[in-house]
Amino acid sequence: MVLKNNTLYQYSGGGYSGNIWEWNFFFIDKDGKFHNIFSSGSAGITDFESAEELVKADGTIYAYCLDNEEDLAELVKETHAALVLGLVKWFEENQNNEVFAVCSDCDHKLFDSDEIHLEDTSFVCCDCHSSGVCDSCCEYVGTDNIHRAVSKIGGLADFSDEVLGKLAETLVAEIHHCEFCLESLARDIENRED
């Protein structure tokens, strides 16, 4: 393998006592200039010459050409979301937005780190995040798990029509609720009737 311009490299860095490693990154820009994005431990690469040696040694290294959308999609798919978010931020600040994340709800490409919400191991854009947050518990549950109306979904199927009717009367139509909160509210109504 030979170092290529406009390519992001991901490799096994680290090398602390106990032989622990972690993913490190460097970037060769369009002009062939080396950029150390993140390096750690004795295996961290901090200069162009060390990067050339690593590539020639053919170790565990992944190359993502920023001109190739398939490479970028592979980076987003195969790399931990927190690392990708850090890369988006680094490129945003240093190289003019070449790396992106993809919203797990709407598949929209996200180039601005301030517009990306990290939920577990997924990226969510601002629009999907606001549509997927429960107004009762303030947790992100995804747009598919938010309900604006009371229906016999999931755990609510166990409640009587009377309880569900009272639940519907207590809710404001513009508020988004997750299934867990709707079940909890229905349980409270049911317990008050007993």
Protein backbone atom coordinates (compact mmCIF):
# COMPACT_ATOMS: atom_id res chain seq x y z
CA MET A 1 0.00 0.00 0.00
CA VAL A 2 1.17 3.53 -0.77
CA LEU A 3 0.00 6.74 0.92
CA LYS A 4 -2.56 8.54 -1.23
CA ASN A 5 -3.64 12.17 -1.23
CA ASN A 6 -7.04 13.21 0.14
CA THR A 7 -7.24 10.00 2.15
CA LEU A 8 -8.08 9.36 5.78
CA TYR A 9 -6.21 6.49 7.45
CA GLN A 10 -7.45 4.53 10.45
CA TYR A 11 -4.99 2.26 12.25
CA SER A 12 -4.33 0.43 15.52
CA GLY A 13 -2.58 2.93 17.75
CA GLY A 14 -2.12 2.97 21.48
CA GLY A 15 0.42 0.55 22.87
CA TYR A 16 0.09 1.26 26.57
CA SER A 17 1.27 -1.10 29.27
CA GLY A 18 -0.84 -4.21 29.04
CA ASN A 19 -0.75 -4.05 25.23
CA ILE A 20 -3.98 -2.05 24.93
CA TRP A 21 -4.68 -0.44 21.56
CA GLU A 22 -7.26 1.99 20.19
CA TRP A 23 -8.16 3.41 16.80
CA ASN A 24 -6.01 6.32 15.68
CA PHE A 25 -6.34 8.52 12.59
CA PHE A 26 -4.20 10.57 10.26
CA PHE A 27 -5.03 12.34 7.03
CA ILE A 28 -3.04 13.05 3.87
CA ASP A 29 -4.61 16.15 2.30
CA LYS A 30 -4.99 17.00 -1.40
CA ASP A 31 -1.50 18.52 -1.42
CA GLY A 32 0.11 15.44 0.18
CA LYS A 33 0.53 17.10 3.59
CA PHE A 34 0.32 14.87 6.70
CA HIS A 35 -2.22 15.74 9.45
CA ASN A 36 -2.23 13.90 12.77
CA ILE A 37 -5.89 13.77 13.75
CA PHE A 38 -5.53 11.47 16.74
CA SER A 39 -2.53 9.43 17.84
CA SER A 40 -1.92 7.68 21.13
CA GLY A 41 0.65 5.51 22.89
CA SER A 42 3.84 4.09 21.47
CA ALA A 43 2.05 2.99 18.26
CA GLY A 44 0.72 6.49 17.51
CA ILE A 45 1.78 7.98 14.16
CA THR A 46 2.80 11.63 14.42
CA ASP A 47 4.66 12.35 11.17
CA PHE A 48 4.68 11.56 7.46
CA GLU A 49 7.70 9.24 7.64
CA SER A 50 6.10 7.06 10.34
CA ALA A 51 2.89 6.96 8.29
CA GLU A 52 4.85 5.71 5.25
CA GLU A 53 6.51 3.02 7.38
CA LEU A 54 3.13 1.88 8.73
CA VAL A 55 1.66 1.61 5.26
CA LYS A 56 4.70 -0.28 3.92
CA ALA A 57 4.56 -2.69 6.87
CA ASP A 58 1.01 -3.52 5.76
CA GLY A 59 -0.37 -3.60 9.32
CA THR A 60 -3.98 -3.18 10.37
CA ILE A 61 -4.83 -0.01 8.48
CA TYR A 62 -7.93 1.20 6.68
CA ALA A 63 -7.79 3.88 3.98
CA TYR A 64 -10.82 6.01 3.12
CA CYS A 65 -10.48 8.21 0.05
CA LEU A 66 -12.53 11.34 0.64
CA ASP A 67 -13.30 11.61 -3.08
CA ASN A 68 -15.04 8.24 -2.94
CA GLU A 69 -18.53 8.27 -1.45
CA GLU A 70 -18.47 4.48 -0.97
CA ASP A 71 -15.32 4.81 1.17
CA LEU A 72 -16.99 7.46 3.32
CA ALA A 73 -20.11 5.32 3.70
CA GLU A 74 -17.91 2.40 4.80
CA LEU A 75 -16.14 4.63 7.34
CA VAL A 76 -19.48 5.68 8.84
CA LYS A 77 -20.78 2.11 8.87
CA GLU A 78 -17.69 0.37 10.26
CA THR A 79 -16.37 2.95 12.76
CA HIS A 80 -17.82 3.67 16.19
CA ALA A 81 -20.21 6.61 16.06
CA ALA A 82 -18.32 8.65 18.68
CA LEU A 83 -15.14 8.41 16.59
CA VAL A 84 -16.98 9.42 13.42
CA LEU A 85 -18.47 12.42 15.24
CA GLY A 86 -14.94 13.43 16.28
CA LEU A 87 -13.77 13.09 12.68
CA VAL A 88 -16.69 15.18 11.37
CA LYS A 89 -15.74 17.88 13.89
CA TRP A 90 -12.03 17.74 12.99
CA PHE A 91 -12.70 17.99 9.25
CA GLU A 92 -15.25 20.73 9.81
CA GLU A 93 -12.67 22.80 11.72
CA ASN A 94 -9.60 21.93 9.64
CA GLN A 95 -10.50 20.76 6.14
CA ASN A 96 -13.85 22.28 5.14
CA ASN A 97 -16.46 19.52 5.72
CA GLU A 98 -15.28 16.51 3.75
CA VAL A 99 -16.44 13.80 6.18
CA PHE A 100 -20.08 13.22 7.04
CA ALA A 101 -22.30 11.10 9.23
CA VAL A 102 -25.68 9.69 8.14
CA CYS A 103 -28.91 10.11 10.10
CA SER A 104 -30.16 6.68 11.13
CA ASP A 105 -33.79 7.80 10.80
CA CYS A 106 -33.90 9.68 7.47
CA ASP A 107 -30.53 8.81 5.82
CA HIS A 108 -29.70 12.53 5.42
CA LYS A 109 -25.96 13.30 5.22
CA LEU A 110 -24.76 15.36 8.18
CA PHE A 111 -21.68 17.57 7.72
CA ASP A 112 -22.12 19.97 10.67
CA SER A 113 -21.11 18.47 14.03
CA ASP A 114 -23.46 20.89 15.82
CA GLU A 115 -26.38 19.39 13.91
CA ILE A 116 -25.62 15.78 14.91
CA HIS A 117 -27.17 14.05 17.90
CA LEU A 118 -25.39 10.89 19.02
CA GLU A 119 -27.89 8.33 20.31
CA ASP A 120 -26.31 5.09 21.50
CA THR A 121 -24.30 4.14 18.41
CA SER A 122 -26.40 6.05 15.87
CA PHE A 123 -26.43 9.55 14.42
CA VAL A 124 -29.66 11.52 14.33
CA CYS A 125 -30.24 14.87 12.61
CA CYS A 126 -31.91 17.72 14.51
CA ASP A 127 -35.27 17.30 12.76
CA CYS A 128 -35.51 13.56 13.47
CA HIS A 129 -34.24 14.04 17.00
CA SER A 130 -36.91 16.62 17.84
CA SER A 131 -39.57 14.37 16.29
CA GLY A 132 -38.31 11.34 18.19
CA VAL A 133 -38.07 12.74 21.73
CA CYS A 134 -40.84 11.91 24.17
CA ASP A 135 -42.28 15.06 25.70
CA SER A 136 -43.08 13.19 28.92
CA CYS A 137 -39.74 11.59 29.79
CA CYS A 138 -37.52 13.64 27.42
CA GLU A 139 -35.83 10.48 26.11
CA TYR A 140 -35.04 9.92 22.46
CA VAL A 141 -36.93 6.80 21.35
CA GLY A 142 -36.98 7.37 17.58
CA THR A 143 -39.71 8.63 15.33
CA ASP A 144 -41.21 5.15 14.95
CA ASN A 145 -41.78 4.89 18.71
CA ILE A 146 -43.46 8.25 19.27
CA HIS A 147 -47.25 8.39 19.39
CA ARG A 148 -49.55 11.39 19.13
CA ALA A 149 -52.73 9.43 19.70
CA VAL A 150 -53.81 6.66 22.02
CA SER A 151 -54.33 3.32 20.31
CA LYS A 152 -54.07 -0.34 21.22
CA ILE A 153 -50.35 -0.52 20.51
CA GLY A 154 -47.87 -2.70 22.36
CA GLY A 155 -48.47 -2.65 26.10
CA LEU A 156 -51.57 -0.47 25.74
CA ALA A 157 -53.45 -3.42 24.25
CA ASP A 158 -53.88 -4.76 27.81
CA PHE A 159 -55.92 -1.77 28.99
CA SER A 160 -59.68 -1.40 28.71
CA ASP A 161 -61.28 0.99 26.22
CA GLU A 162 -62.51 3.03 29.18
CA VAL A 163 -58.96 3.54 30.52
CA LEU A 164 -57.67 4.37 27.03
CA GLY A 165 -60.49 6.86 26.56
CA LYS A 166 -59.60 8.62 29.82
CA LEU A 167 -55.94 8.57 28.82
CA ALA A 168 -56.79 10.22 25.48
CA GLU A 169 -58.78 12.93 27.32
CA THR A 170 -55.79 13.80 29.52
CA LEU A 171 -53.29 14.14 26.69
CA VAL A 172 -52.63 17.25 24.65
CA ALA A 173 -52.70 16.37 20.95
CA GLU A 174 -49.49 18.26 20.09
CA ILE A 175 -47.39 16.34 22.61
CA HIS A 176 -45.32 13.33 21.56
CA HIS A 177 -45.35 10.33 23.90
CA CYS A 178 -43.32 7.16 23.90
CA GLU A 179 -45.08 3.86 24.44
CA PHE A 180 -43.54 3.46 27.91
CA CYS A 181 -44.94 6.81 29.11
CA LEU A 182 -48.37 6.08 27.63
CA GLU A 183 -48.41 2.72 29.45
CA SER A 184 -47.34 4.40 32.68
CA LEU A 185 -50.07 7.05 32.37
CA ALA A 186 -52.68 4.39 31.57
CA ARG A 187 -51.54 2.34 34.59
CA ASP A 188 -51.96 5.43 36.82
CA ILE A 189 -55.51 5.96 35.52
CA GLU A 190 -56.33 2.29 35.99
CA ASN A 191 -54.96 2.34 39.57
CA ARG A 192 -57.02 5.45 40.44
CA GLU A 193 -60.17 3.63 39.38
CA ASP A 194 -59.49 0.65 41.66
